[in-house]
Amino acid sequence: MKPTIINVHVSGPTASGKTAVLAKIRKALEAEGFCCASPDLDAEARMMRPGDLEAAPRRQKTVVVLSEENCPRPPARPEDQAQCRGG
């Protein structure tokens, strides 16, 4: 049985806090038992000091827009399935 893939896309200008927002989303989803795969977030983490990944954006001047879009189901990528199995 193929897993259902849900894509979460975070976009914004450079240094706006995208990485911090994505890290918080990942942490919340994993706390609820979801399997998360994020090569982009993993790459950012390798370039930062520990603790910097979730450094908060300037909340007073940041608006996070949440939206939902229905898409046709893409075929699952083998690398996503391996990561969800802990491989």
N, C-alpha and C. Protein backbone atom coordinates (compact mmCIF):
# COMPACT_ATOMS: atom_id res chain seq x y z
N MET A 1 0.84 -1.18 0.00
CA MET A 1 0.00 0.00 0.00
C MET A 1 0.89 1.25 0.00
N LYS A 2 0.65 2.12 -0.97
CA LYS A 2 1.43 3.35 -1.08
C LYS A 2 0.97 4.35 -0.02
N PRO A 3 1.94 5.07 0.57
CA PRO A 3 1.55 6.09 1.55
C PRO A 3 0.92 7.30 0.86
N THR A 4 0.09 8.00 1.57
CA THR A 4 -0.46 9.27 1.08
C THR A 4 0.60 10.34 1.30
N ILE A 5 0.88 11.11 0.28
CA ILE A 5 1.88 12.18 0.37
C ILE A 5 1.16 13.53 0.46
N ILE A 6 1.48 14.30 1.47
CA ILE A 6 0.97 15.67 1.62
C ILE A 6 2.19 16.59 1.55
N ASN A 7 2.16 17.55 0.66
CA ASN A 7 3.27 18.49 0.50
C ASN A 7 2.95 19.79 1.23
N VAL A 8 3.89 20.24 2.04
CA VAL A 8 3.78 21.53 2.72
C VAL A 8 4.88 22.41 2.13
N HIS A 9 4.50 23.52 1.55
CA HIS A 9 5.44 24.43 0.88
C HIS A 9 5.48 25.74 1.65
N VAL A 10 6.67 26.16 2.04
CA VAL A 10 6.85 27.43 2.74
C VAL A 10 7.66 28.34 1.81
N SER A 11 7.14 29.53 1.55
CA SER A 11 7.85 30.45 0.68
C SER A 11 7.83 31.85 1.28
N GLY A 12 8.79 32.64 0.90
CA GLY A 12 8.89 34.02 1.37
C GLY A 12 10.25 34.55 1.00
N PRO A 13 10.48 35.84 1.26
CA PRO A 13 11.77 36.43 0.89
C PRO A 13 12.92 35.89 1.75
N THR A 14 14.14 36.10 1.28
CA THR A 14 15.33 35.69 2.00
C THR A 14 15.32 36.28 3.41
N ALA A 15 15.70 35.45 4.38
CA ALA A 15 15.82 35.85 5.80
C ALA A 15 14.50 36.27 6.42
N SER A 16 13.38 35.71 5.91
CA SER A 16 12.08 36.05 6.48
C SER A 16 11.64 35.09 7.58
N GLY A 17 12.38 33.99 7.77
CA GLY A 17 12.01 33.02 8.80
C GLY A 17 11.42 31.74 8.25
N LYS A 18 11.55 31.52 6.94
CA LYS A 18 10.97 30.32 6.32
C LYS A 18 11.47 29.04 6.97
N THR A 19 12.78 28.96 7.20
CA THR A 19 13.36 27.76 7.77
C THR A 19 12.81 27.51 9.18
N ALA A 20 12.70 28.56 9.97
CA ALA A 20 12.17 28.41 11.33
C ALA A 20 10.72 27.94 11.30
N VAL A 21 9.93 28.49 10.40
CA VAL A 21 8.53 28.08 10.28
C VAL A 21 8.45 26.62 9.84
N LEU A 22 9.24 26.24 8.85
CA LEU A 22 9.24 24.86 8.37
C LEU A 22 9.68 23.90 9.47
N ALA A 23 10.69 24.29 10.26
CA ALA A 23 11.16 23.45 11.36
C ALA A 23 10.07 23.26 12.41
N LYS A 24 9.32 24.32 12.69
CA LYS A 24 8.23 24.21 13.67
C LYS A 24 7.10 23.33 13.15
N ILE A 25 6.79 23.45 11.87
CA ILE A 25 5.77 22.59 11.27
C ILE A 25 6.21 21.13 11.37
N ARG A 26 7.46 20.87 11.01
CA ARG A 26 7.98 19.49 11.06
C ARG A 26 7.91 18.94 12.49
N LYS A 27 8.36 19.74 13.45
CA LYS A 27 8.36 19.31 14.85
C LYS A 27 6.95 18.98 15.34
N ALA A 28 5.99 19.83 14.99
CA ALA A 28 4.60 19.61 15.40
C ALA A 28 4.02 18.35 14.76
N LEU A 29 4.30 18.15 13.47
CA LEU A 29 3.78 16.97 12.78
C LEU A 29 4.41 15.69 13.33
N GLU A 30 5.72 15.70 13.56
CA GLU A 30 6.38 14.52 14.10
C GLU A 30 5.89 14.21 15.51
N ALA A 31 5.56 15.26 16.30
CA ALA A 31 5.01 15.04 17.64
C ALA A 31 3.66 14.34 17.58
N GLU A 32 2.95 14.52 16.48
CA GLU A 32 1.64 13.87 16.29
C GLU A 32 1.76 12.51 15.61
N GLY A 33 3.01 12.07 15.34
CA GLY A 33 3.23 10.75 14.77
C GLY A 33 3.34 10.70 13.26
N PHE A 34 3.37 11.85 12.60
CA PHE A 34 3.52 11.88 11.14
C PHE A 34 4.98 11.66 10.76
N CYS A 35 5.20 11.03 9.64
CA CYS A 35 6.54 10.86 9.08
C CYS A 35 6.80 12.06 8.17
N CYS A 36 7.87 12.78 8.40
CA CYS A 36 8.19 13.96 7.61
C CYS A 36 9.52 13.77 6.88
N ALA A 37 9.55 14.13 5.62
CA ALA A 37 10.77 14.12 4.82
C ALA A 37 11.00 15.53 4.30
N SER A 38 12.16 16.11 4.59
CA SER A 38 12.45 17.47 4.15
C SER A 38 13.93 17.61 3.80
N PRO A 39 14.31 17.25 2.58
CA PRO A 39 15.71 17.44 2.19
C PRO A 39 16.17 18.90 2.31
N ASP A 40 15.27 19.85 2.02
CA ASP A 40 15.63 21.27 2.13
C ASP A 40 15.95 21.64 3.58
N LEU A 41 15.09 21.21 4.50
CA LEU A 41 15.29 21.53 5.91
C LEU A 41 16.55 20.83 6.44
N ASP A 42 16.78 19.60 6.01
CA ASP A 42 17.99 18.88 6.42
C ASP A 42 19.25 19.61 5.93
N ALA A 43 19.22 20.12 4.70
CA ALA A 43 20.36 20.85 4.15
C ALA A 43 20.60 22.14 4.94
N GLU A 44 19.54 22.85 5.28
CA GLU A 44 19.67 24.08 6.08
C GLU A 44 20.28 23.76 7.44
N ALA A 45 19.84 22.66 8.05
CA ALA A 45 20.33 22.29 9.38
C ALA A 45 21.83 22.01 9.36
N ARG A 46 22.32 21.43 8.27
CA ARG A 46 23.75 21.14 8.16
C ARG A 46 24.58 22.41 8.07
N MET A 47 23.99 23.51 7.62
CA MET A 47 24.73 24.77 7.46
C MET A 47 24.63 25.67 8.68
N MET A 48 23.83 25.30 9.68
CA MET A 48 23.58 26.17 10.81
C MET A 48 24.15 25.59 12.10
N ARG A 49 24.25 26.44 13.11
CA ARG A 49 24.65 25.97 14.43
C ARG A 49 23.43 25.35 15.10
N PRO A 50 23.64 24.41 16.04
CA PRO A 50 22.50 23.83 16.77
C PRO A 50 21.68 24.94 17.43
N GLY A 51 20.38 24.83 17.33
CA GLY A 51 19.49 25.83 17.92
C GLY A 51 19.09 26.93 16.96
N ASP A 52 19.90 27.18 15.92
CA ASP A 52 19.59 28.24 14.97
C ASP A 52 18.42 27.87 14.06
N LEU A 53 18.22 26.56 13.85
CA LEU A 53 17.20 26.11 12.91
C LEU A 53 15.82 26.64 13.27
N GLU A 54 15.50 26.69 14.55
CA GLU A 54 14.18 27.13 14.96
C GLU A 54 14.18 28.55 15.51
N ALA A 55 15.19 29.32 15.18
CA ALA A 55 15.22 30.72 15.62
C ALA A 55 13.97 31.42 15.10
N ALA A 56 13.26 32.05 15.99
CA ALA A 56 11.96 32.63 15.65
C ALA A 56 12.09 33.83 14.71
N PRO A 57 11.22 33.88 13.69
CA PRO A 57 11.18 35.09 12.87
C PRO A 57 10.57 36.23 13.69
N ARG A 58 10.68 37.43 13.20
CA ARG A 58 10.09 38.57 13.90
C ARG A 58 8.57 38.46 13.82
N ARG A 59 7.96 37.90 14.85
CA ARG A 59 6.53 37.59 14.83
C ARG A 59 5.65 38.82 14.64
N GLN A 60 6.06 39.95 15.21
CA GLN A 60 5.23 41.15 15.10
C GLN A 60 5.09 41.63 13.66
N LYS A 61 6.07 41.31 12.82
CA LYS A 61 6.04 41.80 11.44
C LYS A 61 5.93 40.67 10.44
N THR A 62 5.53 39.47 10.92
CA THR A 62 5.44 38.32 10.03
C THR A 62 4.01 37.80 10.02
N VAL A 63 3.46 37.63 8.84
CA VAL A 63 2.14 37.03 8.68
C VAL A 63 2.32 35.71 7.95
N VAL A 64 1.83 34.62 8.53
CA VAL A 64 1.91 33.31 7.90
C VAL A 64 0.56 33.03 7.27
N VAL A 65 0.53 32.86 5.97
CA VAL A 65 -0.71 32.60 5.23
C VAL A 65 -0.81 31.09 5.02
N LEU A 66 -1.87 30.49 5.50
CA LEU A 66 -2.10 29.06 5.36
C LEU A 66 -3.15 28.83 4.28
N SER A 67 -2.88 27.91 3.37
CA SER A 67 -3.85 27.60 2.33
C SER A 67 -3.80 26.12 2.02
N GLU A 68 -4.82 25.64 1.35
CA GLU A 68 -4.93 24.23 0.99
C GLU A 68 -5.26 24.12 -0.48
N GLU A 69 -4.68 23.13 -1.14
CA GLU A 69 -4.90 22.94 -2.56
C GLU A 69 -5.03 21.44 -2.83
N ASN A 70 -6.02 21.04 -3.57
CA ASN A 70 -6.16 19.64 -3.97
C ASN A 70 -5.36 19.40 -5.23
N CYS A 71 -4.59 18.32 -5.24
CA CYS A 71 -3.75 17.96 -6.38
C CYS A 71 -3.98 16.48 -6.70
N PRO A 72 -3.74 16.10 -7.94
CA PRO A 72 -3.77 14.66 -8.24
C PRO A 72 -2.70 13.96 -7.42
N ARG A 73 -2.96 12.72 -7.03
CA ARG A 73 -1.98 11.98 -6.23
C ARG A 73 -0.78 11.60 -7.08
N PRO A 74 0.42 12.11 -6.70
CA PRO A 74 1.63 11.71 -7.43
C PRO A 74 2.09 10.35 -6.94
N PRO A 75 2.86 9.66 -7.76
CA PRO A 75 3.41 8.39 -7.27
C PRO A 75 4.40 8.67 -6.14
N ALA A 76 4.43 7.81 -5.14
CA ALA A 76 5.35 7.98 -4.02
C ALA A 76 6.78 7.77 -4.49
N ARG A 77 7.68 8.62 -4.00
CA ARG A 77 9.10 8.48 -4.35
C ARG A 77 9.73 7.43 -3.43
N PRO A 78 10.56 6.56 -3.96
CA PRO A 78 11.19 5.52 -3.14
C PRO A 78 11.98 6.08 -1.96
N GLU A 79 12.65 7.24 -2.15
CA GLU A 79 13.44 7.80 -1.05
C GLU A 79 12.57 8.28 0.10
N ASP A 80 11.34 8.77 -0.20
CA ASP A 80 10.42 9.17 0.87
C ASP A 80 9.95 7.96 1.65
N GLN A 81 9.65 6.88 0.94
CA GLN A 81 9.19 5.66 1.60
C GLN A 81 10.29 5.10 2.50
N ALA A 82 11.53 5.13 2.05
CA ALA A 82 12.65 4.60 2.83
C ALA A 82 12.83 5.41 4.11
N GLN A 83 12.72 6.75 4.01
CA GLN A 83 12.91 7.60 5.19
C GLN A 83 11.79 7.35 6.20
N CYS A 84 10.57 7.13 5.73
CA CYS A 84 9.45 6.89 6.65
C CYS A 84 9.58 5.54 7.35
N ARG A 85 10.30 4.62 6.74
CA ARG A 85 10.52 3.32 7.37
C ARG A 85 11.76 3.34 8.24
N GLY A 86 12.40 4.50 8.32
CA GLY A 86 13.59 4.63 9.13
C GLY A 86 14.86 4.20 8.41
N GLY A 87 14.79 4.11 7.06
CA GLY A 87 15.95 3.65 6.29
C GLY A 87 16.84 4.69 5.80
